[in-house]
Amino acid sequence: MRTRKRPIYFKDFLKILTRLSSPVLEDRLLALLILVRQYHCGAAANQEEIVKAYLANLEFVNNWDFVDSNVQHLLVAHLKKTQNIEQSYTAWCVQPDFGIGGSP
């Protein structure tokens, strides 16, 4: 019978960032998934640091699988917590027409 092991989450933030800069695709994906997990389990101060580290290392988020697997769970979640996205979107939609691409 196969036993299922619990996933390993690195407590050392530097190790996660080292994995994120790895040339191996799977290492970078693992680092991003760990960042997402730590973001959702962490305190607000830690969440801010995770988002800053993610944005500082965008050059390594260079695959659509990476974007699909983490951006909504990390960046969008952070924006929803820190800003009122729905209110911003509604305000943007009702901006007056300045004669750019609209009907006369």
PDB file of N, CA and C in Angstrom:
ATOM      1  N   MET A   1       0.840  -1.179   0.000  1.00  0.00           N
ATOM      2  CA  MET A   1       0.000   0.000   0.000  1.00  0.00           C
ATOM      3  C   MET A   1       0.884   1.241   0.000  1.00  0.00           C
ATOM      4  N   ARG A   2       0.500   2.185  -0.786  1.00  0.00           N
ATOM      5  CA  ARG A   2       1.255   3.420  -0.905  1.00  0.00           C
ATOM      6  C   ARG A   2       0.865   4.401   0.196  1.00  0.00           C
ATOM      7  N   THR A   3       1.854   4.999   0.827  1.00  0.00           N
ATOM      8  CA  THR A   3       1.556   6.011   1.835  1.00  0.00           C
ATOM      9  C   THR A   3       1.740   7.390   1.220  1.00  0.00           C
ATOM     10  N   ARG A   4       0.911   8.272   1.620  1.00  0.00           N
ATOM     11  CA  ARG A   4       0.962   9.630   1.079  1.00  0.00           C
ATOM     12  C   ARG A   4       1.693  10.531   2.058  1.00  0.00           C
ATOM     13  N   LYS A   5       2.719  11.166   1.565  1.00  0.00           N
ATOM     14  CA  LYS A   5       3.482  12.077   2.407  1.00  0.00           C
ATOM     15  C   LYS A   5       2.906  13.475   2.303  1.00  0.00           C
ATOM     16  N   ARG A   6       2.996  14.193   3.388  1.00  0.00           N
ATOM     17  CA  ARG A   6       2.565  15.589   3.379  1.00  0.00           C
ATOM     18  C   ARG A   6       3.582  16.413   2.611  1.00  0.00           C
ATOM     19  N   PRO A   7       3.134  17.444   1.911  1.00  0.00           N
ATOM     20  CA  PRO A   7       4.091  18.279   1.178  1.00  0.00           C
ATOM     21  C   PRO A   7       5.029  19.031   2.123  1.00  0.00           C
ATOM     22  N   ILE A   8       6.201  19.304   1.623  1.00  0.00           N
ATOM     23  CA  ILE A   8       7.206  20.020   2.405  1.00  0.00           C
ATOM     24  C   ILE A   8       7.116  21.502   2.067  1.00  0.00           C
ATOM     25  N   TYR A   9       6.988  22.332   3.075  1.00  0.00           N
ATOM     26  CA  TYR A   9       6.984  23.771   2.879  1.00  0.00           C
ATOM     27  C   TYR A   9       8.227  24.334   3.535  1.00  0.00           C
ATOM     28  N   PHE A  10       8.969  25.083   2.779  1.00  0.00           N
ATOM     29  CA  PHE A  10      10.198  25.658   3.308  1.00  0.00           C
ATOM     30  C   PHE A  10       9.878  26.855   4.188  1.00  0.00           C
ATOM     31  N   LYS A  11      10.470  26.869   5.331  1.00  0.00           N
ATOM     32  CA  LYS A  11      10.306  28.011   6.222  1.00  0.00           C
ATOM     33  C   LYS A  11      11.309  29.090   5.886  1.00  0.00           C
ATOM     34  N   ASP A  12      12.387  28.703   5.256  1.00  0.00           N
ATOM     35  CA  ASP A  12      13.437  29.644   4.900  1.00  0.00           C
ATOM     36  C   ASP A  12      13.082  30.331   3.585  1.00  0.00           C
ATOM     37  N   PHE A  13      12.740  31.594   3.686  1.00  0.00           N
ATOM     38  CA  PHE A  13      12.286  32.355   2.523  1.00  0.00           C
ATOM     39  C   PHE A  13      13.368  32.436   1.445  1.00  0.00           C
ATOM     40  N   LEU A  14      14.621  32.501   1.852  1.00  0.00           N
ATOM     41  CA  LEU A  14      15.725  32.574   0.910  1.00  0.00           C
ATOM     42  C   LEU A  14      15.816  31.309   0.055  1.00  0.00           C
ATOM     43  N   LYS A  15      15.537  30.156   0.642  1.00  0.00           N
ATOM     44  CA  LYS A  15      15.544  28.903  -0.117  1.00  0.00           C
ATOM     45  C   LYS A  15      14.450  28.899  -1.185  1.00  0.00           C
ATOM     46  N   ILE A  16      13.302  29.458  -0.847  1.00  0.00           N
ATOM     47  CA  ILE A  16      12.208  29.529  -1.818  1.00  0.00           C
ATOM     48  C   ILE A  16      12.618  30.417  -2.986  1.00  0.00           C
ATOM     49  N   LEU A  17      13.206  31.570  -2.683  1.00  0.00           N
ATOM     50  CA  LEU A  17      13.627  32.476  -3.750  1.00  0.00           C
ATOM     51  C   LEU A  17      14.753  31.875  -4.587  1.00  0.00           C
ATOM     52  N   THR A  18      15.601  31.066  -3.954  1.00  0.00           N
ATOM     53  CA  THR A  18      16.657  30.377  -4.698  1.00  0.00           C
ATOM     54  C   THR A  18      16.042  29.384  -5.677  1.00  0.00           C
ATOM     55  N   ARG A  19      15.019  28.665  -5.235  1.00  0.00           N
ATOM     56  CA  ARG A  19      14.317  27.746  -6.135  1.00  0.00           C
ATOM     57  C   ARG A  19      13.629  28.507  -7.264  1.00  0.00           C
ATOM     58  N   LEU A  20      13.120  29.678  -6.951  1.00  0.00           N
ATOM     59  CA  LEU A  20      12.419  30.471  -7.963  1.00  0.00           C
ATOM     60  C   LEU A  20      13.360  30.913  -9.078  1.00  0.00           C
ATOM     61  N   SER A  21      14.619  31.084  -8.773  1.00  0.00           N
ATOM     62  CA  SER A  21      15.581  31.505  -9.787  1.00  0.00           C
ATOM     63  C   SER A  21      16.306  30.329 -10.445  1.00  0.00           C
ATOM     64  N   SER A  22      15.870  29.128 -10.154  1.00  0.00           N
ATOM     65  CA  SER A  22      16.507  27.929 -10.712  1.00  0.00           C
ATOM     66  C   SER A  22      16.250  27.822 -12.222  1.00  0.00           C
ATOM     67  N   PRO A  23      17.189  27.258 -12.963  1.00  0.00           N
ATOM     68  CA  PRO A  23      16.953  27.032 -14.396  1.00  0.00           C
ATOM     69  C   PRO A  23      15.985  25.873 -14.654  1.00  0.00           C
ATOM     70  N   VAL A  24      15.693  25.084 -13.614  1.00  0.00           N
ATOM     71  CA  VAL A  24      14.796  23.939 -13.764  1.00  0.00           C
ATOM     72  C   VAL A  24      13.347  24.400 -13.597  1.00  0.00           C
ATOM     73  N   LEU A  25      12.533  24.131 -14.591  1.00  0.00           N
ATOM     74  CA  LEU A  25      11.143  24.576 -14.620  1.00  0.00           C
ATOM     75  C   LEU A  25      10.366  24.095 -13.394  1.00  0.00           C
ATOM     76  N   GLU A  26      10.529  22.847 -13.035  1.00  0.00           N
ATOM     77  CA  GLU A  26       9.779  22.285 -11.913  1.00  0.00           C
ATOM     78  C   GLU A  26      10.161  22.933 -10.588  1.00  0.00           C
ATOM     79  N   ASP A  27      11.431  23.318 -10.437  1.00  0.00           N
ATOM     80  CA  ASP A  27      11.849  24.019  -9.218  1.00  0.00           C
ATOM     81  C   ASP A  27      11.148  25.366  -9.099  1.00  0.00           C
ATOM     82  N   ARG A  28      11.076  26.086 -10.221  1.00  0.00           N
ATOM     83  CA  ARG A  28      10.413  27.395 -10.193  1.00  0.00           C
ATOM     84  C   ARG A  28       8.922  27.248  -9.912  1.00  0.00           C
ATOM     85  N   LEU A  29       8.289  26.247 -10.508  1.00  0.00           N
ATOM     86  CA  LEU A  29       6.866  26.025 -10.258  1.00  0.00           C
ATOM     87  C   LEU A  29       6.628  25.671  -8.789  1.00  0.00           C
ATOM     88  N   LEU A  30       7.464  24.807  -8.227  1.00  0.00           N
ATOM     89  CA  LEU A  30       7.338  24.454  -6.815  1.00  0.00           C
ATOM     90  C   LEU A  30       7.483  25.690  -5.932  1.00  0.00           C
ATOM     91  N   ALA A  31       8.451  26.529  -6.232  1.00  0.00           N
ATOM     92  CA  ALA A  31       8.646  27.753  -5.441  1.00  0.00           C
ATOM     93  C   ALA A  31       7.415  28.639  -5.499  1.00  0.00           C
ATOM     94  N   LEU A  32       6.816  28.785  -6.669  1.00  0.00           N
ATOM     95  CA  LEU A  32       5.619  29.620  -6.798  1.00  0.00           C
ATOM     96  C   LEU A  32       4.440  29.031  -6.026  1.00  0.00           C
ATOM     97  N   LEU A  33       4.277  27.724  -6.103  1.00  0.00           N
ATOM     98  CA  LEU A  33       3.188  27.085  -5.365  1.00  0.00           C
ATOM     99  C   LEU A  33       3.390  27.210  -3.859  1.00  0.00           C
ATOM    100  N   ILE A  34       4.626  27.133  -3.410  1.00  0.00           N
ATOM    101  CA  ILE A  34       4.916  27.324  -1.987  1.00  0.00           C
ATOM    102  C   ILE A  34       4.621  28.763  -1.580  1.00  0.00           C
ATOM    103  N   LEU A  35       4.979  29.715  -2.423  1.00  0.00           N
ATOM    104  CA  LEU A  35       4.676  31.121  -2.114  1.00  0.00           C
ATOM    105  C   LEU A  35       3.173  31.349  -1.991  1.00  0.00           C
ATOM    106  N   VAL A  36       2.410  30.755  -2.879  1.00  0.00           N
ATOM    107  CA  VAL A  36       0.947  30.887  -2.818  1.00  0.00           C
ATOM    108  C   VAL A  36       0.427  30.296  -1.511  1.00  0.00           C
ATOM    109  N   ARG A  37       0.915  29.122  -1.167  1.00  0.00           N
ATOM    110  CA  ARG A  37       0.476  28.466   0.075  1.00  0.00           C
ATOM    111  C   ARG A  37       0.850  29.310   1.292  1.00  0.00           C
ATOM    112  N   GLN A  38       2.069  29.807   1.313  1.00  0.00           N
ATOM    113  CA  GLN A  38       2.496  30.618   2.447  1.00  0.00           C
ATOM    114  C   GLN A  38       1.751  31.943   2.506  1.00  0.00           C
ATOM    115  N   TYR A  39       1.389  32.479   1.345  1.00  0.00           N
ATOM    116  CA  TYR A  39       0.616  33.727   1.327  1.00  0.00           C
ATOM    117  C   TYR A  39      -0.723  33.525   2.033  1.00  0.00           C
ATOM    118  N   HIS A  40      -1.397  32.441   1.705  1.00  0.00           N
ATOM    119  CA  HIS A  40      -2.726  32.206   2.273  1.00  0.00           C
ATOM    120  C   HIS A  40      -2.686  31.769   3.729  1.00  0.00           C
ATOM    121  N   CYS A  41      -1.556  31.261   4.186  1.00  0.00           N
ATOM    122  CA  CYS A  41      -1.436  30.824   5.580  1.00  0.00           C
ATOM    123  C   CYS A  41      -0.731  31.851   6.460  1.00  0.00           C
ATOM    124  N   GLY A  42      -0.227  32.914   5.859  1.00  0.00           N
ATOM    125  CA  GLY A  42       0.591  33.853   6.602  1.00  0.00           C
ATOM    126  C   GLY A  42      -0.153  35.057   7.135  1.00  0.00           C
ATOM    127  N   ALA A  43       0.537  35.793   7.976  1.00  0.00           N
ATOM    128  CA  ALA A  43       0.008  37.038   8.525  1.00  0.00           C
ATOM    129  C   ALA A  43       0.087  38.130   7.466  1.00  0.00           C
ATOM    130  N   ALA A  44      -0.587  39.226   7.691  1.00  0.00           N
ATOM    131  CA  ALA A  44      -0.647  40.313   6.719  1.00  0.00           C
ATOM    132  C   ALA A  44       0.740  40.853   6.373  1.00  0.00           C
ATOM    133  N   ALA A  45       1.604  40.977   7.357  1.00  0.00           N
ATOM    134  CA  ALA A  45       2.962  41.483   7.098  1.00  0.00           C
ATOM    135  C   ALA A  45       3.732  40.510   6.205  1.00  0.00           C
ATOM    136  N   ASN A  46       3.585  39.222   6.458  1.00  0.00           N
ATOM    137  CA  ASN A  46       4.244  38.221   5.623  1.00  0.00           C
ATOM    138  C   ASN A  46       3.672  38.218   4.213  1.00  0.00           C
ATOM    139  N   GLN A  47       2.379  38.422   4.098  1.00  0.00           N
ATOM    140  CA  GLN A  47       1.745  38.457   2.778  1.00  0.00           C
ATOM    141  C   GLN A  47       2.313  39.586   1.941  1.00  0.00           C
ATOM    142  N   GLU A  48       2.523  40.725   2.550  1.00  0.00           N
ATOM    143  CA  GLU A  48       3.098  41.867   1.833  1.00  0.00           C
ATOM    144  C   GLU A  48       4.509  41.540   1.339  1.00  0.00           C
ATOM    145  N   GLU A  49       5.309  40.895   2.194  1.00  0.00           N
ATOM    146  CA  GLU A  49       6.669  40.516   1.800  1.00  0.00           C
ATOM    147  C   GLU A  49       6.659  39.493   0.667  1.00  0.00           C
ATOM    148  N   ILE A  50       5.727  38.563   0.699  1.00  0.00           N
ATOM    149  CA  ILE A  50       5.632  37.552  -0.356  1.00  0.00           C
ATOM    150  C   ILE A  50       5.288  38.206  -1.682  1.00  0.00           C
ATOM    151  N   VAL A  51       4.349  39.133  -1.674  1.00  0.00           N
ATOM    152  CA  VAL A  51       3.973  39.820  -2.920  1.00  0.00           C
ATOM    153  C   VAL A  51       5.141  40.650  -3.442  1.00  0.00           C
ATOM    154  N   LYS A  52       5.858  41.340  -2.557  1.00  0.00           N
ATOM    155  CA  LYS A  52       7.024  42.122  -2.990  1.00  0.00           C
ATOM    156  C   LYS A  52       8.091  41.223  -3.605  1.00  0.00           C
ATOM    157  N   ALA A  53       8.337  40.082  -2.983  1.00  0.00           N
ATOM    158  CA  ALA A  53       9.334  39.142  -3.519  1.00  0.00           C
ATOM    159  C   ALA A  53       8.885  38.582  -4.863  1.00  0.00           C
ATOM    160  N   TYR A  54       7.605  38.285  -4.993  1.00  0.00           N
ATOM    161  CA  TYR A  54       7.062  37.776  -6.253  1.00  0.00           C
ATOM    162  C   TYR A  54       7.266  38.808  -7.365  1.00  0.00           C
ATOM    163  N   LEU A  55       6.903  40.044  -7.089  1.00  0.00           N
ATOM    164  CA  LEU A  55       7.034  41.106  -8.105  1.00  0.00           C
ATOM    165  C   LEU A  55       8.494  41.395  -8.429  1.00  0.00           C
ATOM    166  N   ALA A  56       9.380  41.258  -7.461  1.00  0.00           N
ATOM    167  CA  ALA A  56      10.805  41.493  -7.697  1.00  0.00           C
ATOM    168  C   ALA A  56      11.437  40.383  -8.538  1.00  0.00           C
ATOM    169  N   ASN A  57      10.782  39.228  -8.610  1.00  0.00           N
ATOM    170  CA  ASN A  57      11.330  38.085  -9.337  1.00  0.00           C
ATOM    171  C   ASN A  57      10.475  37.690 -10.532  1.00  0.00           C
ATOM    172  N   LEU A  58       9.780  38.632 -11.118  1.00  0.00           N
ATOM    173  CA  LEU A  58       8.909  38.325 -12.253  1.00  0.00           C
ATOM    174  C   LEU A  58       9.660  37.768 -13.462  1.00  0.00           C
ATOM    175  N   GLU A  59      10.939  38.050 -13.563  1.00  0.00           N
ATOM    176  CA  GLU A  59      11.705  37.529 -14.692  1.00  0.00           C
ATOM    177  C   GLU A  59      11.738  36.002 -14.696  1.00  0.00           C
ATOM    178  N   PHE A  60      11.510  35.379 -13.545  1.00  0.00           N
ATOM    179  CA  PHE A  60      11.509  33.921 -13.457  1.00  0.00           C
ATOM    180  C   PHE A  60      10.108  33.332 -13.610  1.00  0.00           C
ATOM    181  N   VAL A  61       9.094  34.184 -13.625  1.00  0.00           N
ATOM    182  CA  VAL A  61       7.725  33.734 -13.865  1.00  0.00           C
ATOM    183  C   VAL A  61       7.493  33.873 -15.365  1.00  0.00           C
ATOM    184  N   ASN A  62       8.159  33.037 -16.126  1.00  0.00           N
ATOM    185  CA  ASN A  62       8.229  33.202 -17.570  1.00  0.00           C
ATOM    186  C   ASN A  62       7.599  32.036 -18.328  1.00  0.00           C
ATOM    187  N   ASN A  63       6.495  31.545 -17.799  1.00  0.00           N
ATOM    188  CA  ASN A  63       5.815  30.420 -18.402  1.00  0.00           C
ATOM    189  C   ASN A  63       4.326  30.568 -18.107  1.00  0.00           C
ATOM    190  N   TRP A  64       3.478  30.281 -19.082  1.00  0.00           N
ATOM    191  CA  TRP A  64       2.043  30.450 -18.874  1.00  0.00           C
ATOM    192  C   TRP A  64       1.513  29.534 -17.781  1.00  0.00           C
ATOM    193  N   ASP A  65       2.117  28.369 -17.611  1.00  0.00           N
ATOM    194  CA  ASP A  65       1.698  27.489 -16.518  1.00  0.00           C
ATOM    195  C   ASP A  65       1.948  28.158 -15.167  1.00  0.00           C
ATOM    196  N   PHE A  66       3.040  28.893 -15.074  1.00  0.00           N
ATOM    197  CA  PHE A  66       3.338  29.617 -13.836  1.00  0.00           C
ATOM    198  C   PHE A  66       2.273  30.679 -13.576  1.00  0.00           C
ATOM    199  N   VAL A  67       1.970  31.441 -14.596  1.00  0.00           N
ATOM    200  CA  VAL A  67       0.985  32.515 -14.457  1.00  0.00           C
ATOM    201  C   VAL A  67      -0.376  31.930 -14.086  1.00  0.00           C
ATOM    202  N   ASP A  68      -0.794  30.896 -14.816  1.00  0.00           N
ATOM    203  CA  ASP A  68      -2.100  30.289 -14.567  1.00  0.00           C
ATOM    204  C   ASP A  68      -2.207  29.681 -13.173  1.00  0.00           C
ATOM    205  N   SER A  69      -1.104  29.165 -12.662  1.00  0.00           N
ATOM    206  CA  SER A  69      -1.164  28.464 -11.384  1.00  0.00           C
ATOM    207  C   SER A  69      -1.066  29.385 -10.176  1.00  0.00           C
ATOM    208  N   ASN A  70      -0.654  30.640 -10.358  1.00  0.00           N
ATOM    209  CA  ASN A  70      -0.440  31.439  -9.152  1.00  0.00           C
ATOM    210  C   ASN A  70      -0.954  32.860  -9.179  1.00  0.00           C
ATOM    211  N   VAL A  71      -1.112  33.475 -10.325  1.00  0.00           N
ATOM    212  CA  VAL A  71      -1.413  34.914 -10.321  1.00  0.00           C
ATOM    213  C   VAL A  71      -2.756  35.219  -9.660  1.00  0.00           C
ATOM    214  N   GLN A  72      -3.765  34.415  -9.910  1.00  0.00           N
ATOM    215  CA  GLN A  72      -5.055  34.710  -9.289  1.00  0.00           C
ATOM    216  C   GLN A  72      -5.037  34.415  -7.794  1.00  0.00           C
ATOM    217  N   HIS A  73      -4.218  33.473  -7.391  1.00  0.00           N
ATOM    218  CA  HIS A  73      -4.160  33.103  -5.977  1.00  0.00           C
ATOM    219  C   HIS A  73      -3.222  33.985  -5.171  1.00  0.00           C
ATOM    220  N   LEU A  74      -2.395  34.739  -5.859  1.00  0.00           N
ATOM    221  CA  LEU A  74      -1.423  35.573  -5.157  1.00  0.00           C
ATOM    222  C   LEU A  74      -1.690  37.052  -5.411  1.00  0.00           C
ATOM    223  N   LEU A  75      -1.512  37.497  -6.639  1.00  0.00           N
ATOM    224  CA  LEU A  75      -1.656  38.926  -6.923  1.00  0.00           C
ATOM    225  C   LEU A  75      -3.102  39.396  -6.848  1.00  0.00           C
ATOM    226  N   VAL A  76      -4.007  38.670  -7.475  1.00  0.00           N
ATOM    227  CA  VAL A  76      -5.410  39.090  -7.444  1.00  0.00           C
ATOM    228  C   VAL A  76      -5.947  39.018  -6.019  1.00  0.00           C
ATOM    229  N   ALA A  77      -5.596  37.968  -5.292  1.00  0.00           N
ATOM    230  CA  ALA A  77      -6.033  37.867  -3.895  1.00  0.00           C
ATOM    231  C   ALA A  77      -5.495  39.035  -3.075  1.00  0.00           C
ATOM    232  N   HIS A  78      -4.250  39.406  -3.331  1.00  0.00           N
ATOM    233  CA  HIS A  78      -3.657  40.524  -2.588  1.00  0.00           C
ATOM    234  C   HIS A  78      -4.344  41.845  -2.940  1.00  0.00           C
ATOM    235  N   LEU A  79      -4.606  42.043  -4.213  1.00  0.00           N
ATOM    236  CA  LEU A  79      -5.286  43.273  -4.614  1.00  0.00           C
ATOM    237  C   LEU A  79      -6.691  43.356  -4.032  1.00  0.00           C
ATOM    238  N   LYS A  80      -7.373  42.246  -3.970  1.00  0.00           N
ATOM    239  CA  LYS A  80      -8.715  42.247  -3.384  1.00  0.00           C
ATOM    240  C   LYS A  80      -8.674  42.590  -1.899  1.00  0.00           C
ATOM    241  N   LYS A  81      -7.616  42.158  -1.218  1.00  0.00           N
ATOM    242  CA  LYS A  81      -7.498  42.461   0.208  1.00  0.00           C
ATOM    243  C   LYS A  81      -7.105  43.909   0.458  1.00  0.00           C
ATOM    244  N   THR A  82      -6.248  44.458  -0.397  1.00  0.00           N
ATOM    245  CA  THR A  82      -5.698  45.779  -0.122  1.00  0.00           C
ATOM    246  C   THR A  82      -6.459  46.913  -0.796  1.00  0.00           C
ATOM    247  N   GLN A  83      -7.230  46.605  -1.828  1.00  0.00           N
ATOM    248  CA  GLN A  83      -7.960  47.642  -2.545  1.00  0.00           C
ATOM    249  C   GLN A  83      -9.359  47.132  -2.838  1.00  0.00           C
ATOM    250  N   ASN A  84     -10.260  48.049  -3.050  1.00  0.00           N
ATOM    251  CA  ASN A  84     -11.605  47.657  -3.425  1.00  0.00           C
ATOM    252  C   ASN A  84     -11.652  47.546  -4.950  1.00  0.00           C
ATOM    253  N   ILE A  85     -11.379  46.357  -5.456  1.00  0.00           N
ATOM    254  CA  ILE A  85     -11.280  46.137  -6.901  1.00  0.00           C
ATOM    255  C   ILE A  85     -12.598  46.455  -7.594  1.00  0.00           C
ATOM    256  N   GLU A  86     -13.710  45.995  -7.036  1.00  0.00           N
ATOM    257  CA  GLU A  86     -15.003  46.210  -7.684  1.00  0.00           C
ATOM    258  C   GLU A  86     -15.317  47.701  -7.800  1.00  0.00           C
ATOM    259  N   GLN A  87     -15.028  48.452  -6.767  1.00  0.00           N
ATOM    260  CA  GLN A  87     -15.288  49.885  -6.783  1.00  0.00           C
ATOM    261  C   GLN A  87     -14.394  50.572  -7.813  1.00  0.00           C
ATOM    262  N   SER A  88     -13.128  50.172  -7.889  1.00  0.00           N
ATOM    263  CA  SER A  88     -12.206  50.757  -8.857  1.00  0.00           C
ATOM    264  C   SER A  88     -12.667  50.463 -10.274  1.00  0.00           C
ATOM    265  N   TYR A  89     -13.099  49.233 -10.514  1.00  0.00           N
ATOM    266  CA  TYR A  89     -13.551  48.835 -11.851  1.00  0.00           C
ATOM    267  C   TYR A  89     -14.792  49.622 -12.246  1.00  0.00           C
ATOM    268  N   THR A  90     -15.738  49.767 -11.319  1.00  0.00           N
ATOM    269  CA  THR A  90     -16.959  50.514 -11.612  1.00  0.00           C
ATOM    270  C   THR A  90     -16.631  51.971 -11.914  1.00  0.00           C
ATOM    271  N   ALA A  91     -15.741  52.570 -11.151  1.00  0.00           N
ATOM    272  CA  ALA A  91     -15.363  53.963 -11.395  1.00  0.00           C
ATOM    273  C   ALA A  91     -14.690  54.112 -12.759  1.00  0.00           C
ATOM    274  N   TRP A  92     -13.879  53.142 -13.129  1.00  0.00           N
ATOM    275  CA  TRP A  92     -13.199  53.194 -14.423  1.00  0.00           C
ATOM    276  C   TRP A  92     -14.197  53.068 -15.561  1.00  0.00           C
ATOM    277  N   CYS A  93     -15.226  52.245 -15.398  1.00  0.00           N
ATOM    278  CA  CYS A  93     -16.207  52.017 -16.461  1.00  0.00           C
ATOM    279  C   CYS A  93     -17.077  53.235 -16.725  1.00  0.00           C
ATOM    280  N   VAL A  94     -17.266  54.096 -15.754  1.00  0.00           N
ATOM    281  CA  VAL A  94     -18.130  55.254 -15.951  1.00  0.00           C
ATOM    282  C   VAL A  94     -17.358  56.519 -16.243  1.00  0.00           C
ATOM    283  N   GLN A  95     -16.101  56.395 -16.628  1.00  0.00           N
ATOM    284  CA  GLN A  95     -15.310  57.561 -16.995  1.00  0.00           C
ATOM    285  C   GLN A  95     -15.951  58.234 -18.208  1.00  0.00           C
ATOM    286  N   PRO A  96     -15.905  59.559 -18.280  1.00  0.00           N
ATOM    287  CA  PRO A  96     -16.489  60.244 -19.434  1.00  0.00           C
ATOM    288  C   PRO A  96     -15.718  59.934 -20.700  1.00  0.00           C
ATOM    289  N   ASP A  97     -16.396  59.970 -21.799  1.00  0.00           N
ATOM    290  CA  ASP A  97     -15.772  59.721 -23.093  1.00  0.00           C
ATOM    291  C   ASP A  97     -15.009  60.984 -23.497  1.00  0.00           C
ATOM    292  N   PHE A  98     -13.726  60.830 -23.769  1.00  0.00           N
ATOM    293  CA  PHE A  98     -12.891  61.948 -24.152  1.00  0.00           C
ATOM    294  C   PHE A  98     -12.680  61.982 -25.659  1.00  0.00           C
ATOM    295  N   GLY A  99     -13.589  61.344 -26.403  1.00  0.00           N
ATOM    296  CA  GLY A  99     -13.494  61.361 -27.854  1.00  0.00           C
ATOM    297  C   GLY A  99     -12.485  60.369 -28.395  1.00  0.00           C
ATOM    298  N   ILE A 100     -12.138  59.383 -27.609  1.00  0.00           N
ATOM    299  CA  ILE A 100     -11.161  58.388 -28.063  1.00  0.00           C
ATOM    300  C   ILE A 100     -11.911  57.105 -28.390  1.00  0.00           C
ATOM    301  N   GLY A 101     -12.076  56.837 -29.647  1.00  0.00           N
ATOM    302  CA  GLY A 101     -12.655  55.584 -30.091  1.00  0.00           C
ATOM    303  C   GLY A 101     -14.140  55.427 -29.842  1.00  0.00           C
ATOM    304  N   GLY A 102     -14.819  56.410 -29.329  1.00  0.00           N
ATOM    305  CA  GLY A 102     -16.234  56.294 -29.059  1.00  0.00           C
ATOM    306  C   GLY A 102     -17.062  56.930 -30.175  1.00  0.00           C
ATOM    307  N   SER A 103     -18.371  56.822 -30.045  1.00  0.00           N
ATOM    308  CA  SER A 103     -19.231  57.463 -31.031  1.00  0.00           C
ATOM    309  C   SER A 103     -19.311  58.950 -30.757  1.00  0.00           C
ATOM    310  N   PRO A 104     -19.552  59.767 -31.782  1.00  0.00           N
ATOM    311  CA  PRO A 104     -19.555  61.223 -31.604  1.00  0.00           C
ATOM    312  C   PRO A 104     -20.662  61.717 -30.721  1.00  0.00           C
TER     313      PRO A 104
END
